[in-house]
Amino acid sequence: MAVLISLRDFHERFAERAAAEARQALLQEIDALARPSADRTPAGEILRQGRTHDG
């Protein structure tokens, strides 16, 4: 038995769902790799130090 569906239905059912699942998997992978920095210096301080060294 074969069922014909419109291209729009195909995208809604399969392509968009697959893309959403791929995005979610990527976000989970990024979250798993994220670690706090070993350097506790605030970002503003690091930027100020860069300015004083350049000129």
N, C-alpha and C. Protein backbone atom coordinates (compact mmCIF):
# COMPACT_ATOMS: atom_id res chain seq x y z
N MET A 1 0.84 -1.17 0.00
CA MET A 1 0.00 0.00 0.00
C MET A 1 0.89 1.24 0.00
N ALA A 2 0.59 2.19 -0.83
CA ALA A 2 1.35 3.44 -0.91
C ALA A 2 0.43 4.61 -0.59
N VAL A 3 1.03 5.60 0.06
CA VAL A 3 0.26 6.79 0.41
C VAL A 3 0.99 8.00 -0.15
N LEU A 4 0.29 8.84 -0.86
CA LEU A 4 0.87 10.06 -1.39
C LEU A 4 0.59 11.20 -0.42
N ILE A 5 1.63 11.97 -0.12
CA ILE A 5 1.45 13.14 0.72
C ILE A 5 2.03 14.35 -0.02
N SER A 6 1.54 15.51 0.32
CA SER A 6 2.03 16.72 -0.33
C SER A 6 3.44 17.02 0.17
N LEU A 7 4.16 17.83 -0.59
CA LEU A 7 5.51 18.24 -0.20
C LEU A 7 5.47 18.99 1.14
N ARG A 8 4.44 19.79 1.32
CA ARG A 8 4.30 20.53 2.58
C ARG A 8 4.14 19.56 3.76
N ASP A 9 3.29 18.56 3.59
CA ASP A 9 3.12 17.56 4.64
C ASP A 9 4.42 16.81 4.92
N PHE A 10 5.15 16.51 3.85
CA PHE A 10 6.43 15.81 4.02
C PHE A 10 7.37 16.64 4.88
N HIS A 11 7.49 17.93 4.55
CA HIS A 11 8.38 18.80 5.33
C HIS A 11 7.94 18.90 6.77
N GLU A 12 6.64 19.06 6.99
CA GLU A 12 6.14 19.18 8.35
C GLU A 12 6.38 17.91 9.15
N ARG A 13 6.22 16.76 8.52
CA ARG A 13 6.33 15.49 9.24
C ARG A 13 7.76 14.99 9.39
N PHE A 14 8.58 15.20 8.37
CA PHE A 14 9.89 14.54 8.37
C PHE A 14 11.05 15.52 8.37
N ALA A 15 11.12 16.40 7.41
CA ALA A 15 12.30 17.26 7.27
C ALA A 15 12.45 18.20 8.46
N GLU A 16 11.37 18.88 8.84
CA GLU A 16 11.45 19.80 9.97
C GLU A 16 11.71 19.07 11.27
N ARG A 17 11.12 17.90 11.43
CA ARG A 17 11.35 17.13 12.66
C ARG A 17 12.80 16.66 12.74
N ALA A 18 13.33 16.19 11.62
CA ALA A 18 14.73 15.74 11.60
C ALA A 18 15.67 16.90 11.90
N ALA A 19 15.39 18.08 11.35
CA ALA A 19 16.23 19.25 11.61
C ALA A 19 16.15 19.65 13.08
N ALA A 20 14.97 19.62 13.65
CA ALA A 20 14.81 19.96 15.07
C ALA A 20 15.56 18.96 15.96
N GLU A 21 15.50 17.69 15.62
CA GLU A 21 16.22 16.68 16.39
C GLU A 21 17.73 16.88 16.27
N ALA A 22 18.20 17.24 15.08
CA ALA A 22 19.63 17.49 14.88
C ALA A 22 20.08 18.71 15.69
N ARG A 23 19.27 19.77 15.71
CA ARG A 23 19.60 20.96 16.51
C ARG A 23 19.67 20.61 17.99
N GLN A 24 18.69 19.83 18.45
CA GLN A 24 18.67 19.46 19.87
C GLN A 24 19.89 18.62 20.23
N ALA A 25 20.27 17.70 19.36
CA ALA A 25 21.45 16.87 19.62
C ALA A 25 22.71 17.73 19.67
N LEU A 26 22.82 18.71 18.78
CA LEU A 26 23.97 19.61 18.78
C LEU A 26 24.02 20.42 20.06
N LEU A 27 22.87 20.94 20.51
CA LEU A 27 22.85 21.70 21.75
C LEU A 27 23.25 20.85 22.95
N GLN A 28 22.81 19.61 22.97
CA GLN A 28 23.19 18.71 24.06
C GLN A 28 24.69 18.44 24.04
N GLU A 29 25.26 18.28 22.86
CA GLU A 29 26.69 18.05 22.73
C GLU A 29 27.48 19.26 23.21
N ILE A 30 27.02 20.46 22.84
CA ILE A 30 27.70 21.68 23.28
C ILE A 30 27.62 21.80 24.79
N ASP A 31 26.45 21.54 25.37
CA ASP A 31 26.30 21.61 26.83
C ASP A 31 27.21 20.62 27.53
N ALA A 32 27.39 19.45 26.94
CA ALA A 32 28.25 18.43 27.56
C ALA A 32 29.72 18.87 27.54
N LEU A 33 30.11 19.67 26.57
CA LEU A 33 31.50 20.11 26.45
C LEU A 33 31.79 21.37 27.26
N ALA A 34 30.77 22.11 27.63
CA ALA A 34 30.96 23.39 28.33
C ALA A 34 31.51 23.15 29.73
N ARG A 35 32.52 23.94 30.06
CA ARG A 35 33.11 23.88 31.39
C ARG A 35 33.37 25.30 31.86
N PRO A 36 33.33 25.53 33.15
CA PRO A 36 33.68 26.87 33.63
C PRO A 36 35.16 27.13 33.41
N SER A 37 35.49 28.37 33.22
CA SER A 37 36.87 28.76 32.99
C SER A 37 37.69 28.55 34.26
N ALA A 38 38.93 28.15 34.09
CA ALA A 38 39.84 28.01 35.23
C ALA A 38 40.28 29.38 35.72
N ASP A 39 40.26 30.37 34.83
CA ASP A 39 40.64 31.74 35.18
C ASP A 39 39.39 32.48 35.64
N ARG A 40 39.35 32.88 36.88
CA ARG A 40 38.17 33.55 37.45
C ARG A 40 38.20 35.07 37.24
N THR A 41 39.14 35.57 36.47
CA THR A 41 39.23 37.01 36.22
C THR A 41 38.00 37.45 35.41
N PRO A 42 37.31 38.48 35.87
CA PRO A 42 36.14 38.96 35.12
C PRO A 42 36.52 39.43 33.71
N ALA A 43 35.61 39.27 32.77
CA ALA A 43 35.88 39.63 31.38
C ALA A 43 36.25 41.10 31.25
N GLY A 44 35.58 41.98 32.01
CA GLY A 44 35.89 43.41 31.95
C GLY A 44 37.33 43.69 32.33
N GLU A 45 37.82 43.00 33.33
CA GLU A 45 39.22 43.17 33.76
C GLU A 45 40.18 42.72 32.67
N ILE A 46 39.89 41.61 32.04
CA ILE A 46 40.74 41.11 30.95
C ILE A 46 40.78 42.12 29.81
N LEU A 47 39.63 42.70 29.48
CA LEU A 47 39.59 43.72 28.41
C LEU A 47 40.39 44.95 28.79
N ARG A 48 40.30 45.39 30.06
CA ARG A 48 41.07 46.55 30.50
C ARG A 48 42.57 46.26 30.42
N GLN A 49 42.97 45.05 30.79
CA GLN A 49 44.38 44.69 30.71
C GLN A 49 44.86 44.72 29.27
N GLY A 50 44.06 44.28 28.35
CA GLY A 50 44.43 44.29 26.92
C GLY A 50 44.63 45.70 26.42
N ARG A 51 43.83 46.62 26.87
CA ARG A 51 43.96 48.02 26.45
C ARG A 51 45.26 48.63 26.97
N THR A 52 45.63 48.32 28.19
CA THR A 52 46.84 48.92 28.74
C THR A 52 48.10 48.35 28.11
N HIS A 53 48.04 47.11 27.65
CA HIS A 53 49.21 46.51 27.01
C HIS A 53 49.41 46.98 25.57
N ASP A 54 48.32 47.40 24.91
CA ASP A 54 48.41 47.81 23.50
C ASP A 54 48.96 49.23 23.35
N GLY A 55 48.82 50.04 24.31
CA GLY A 55 49.29 51.39 24.04
C GLY A 55 49.47 52.15 25.24
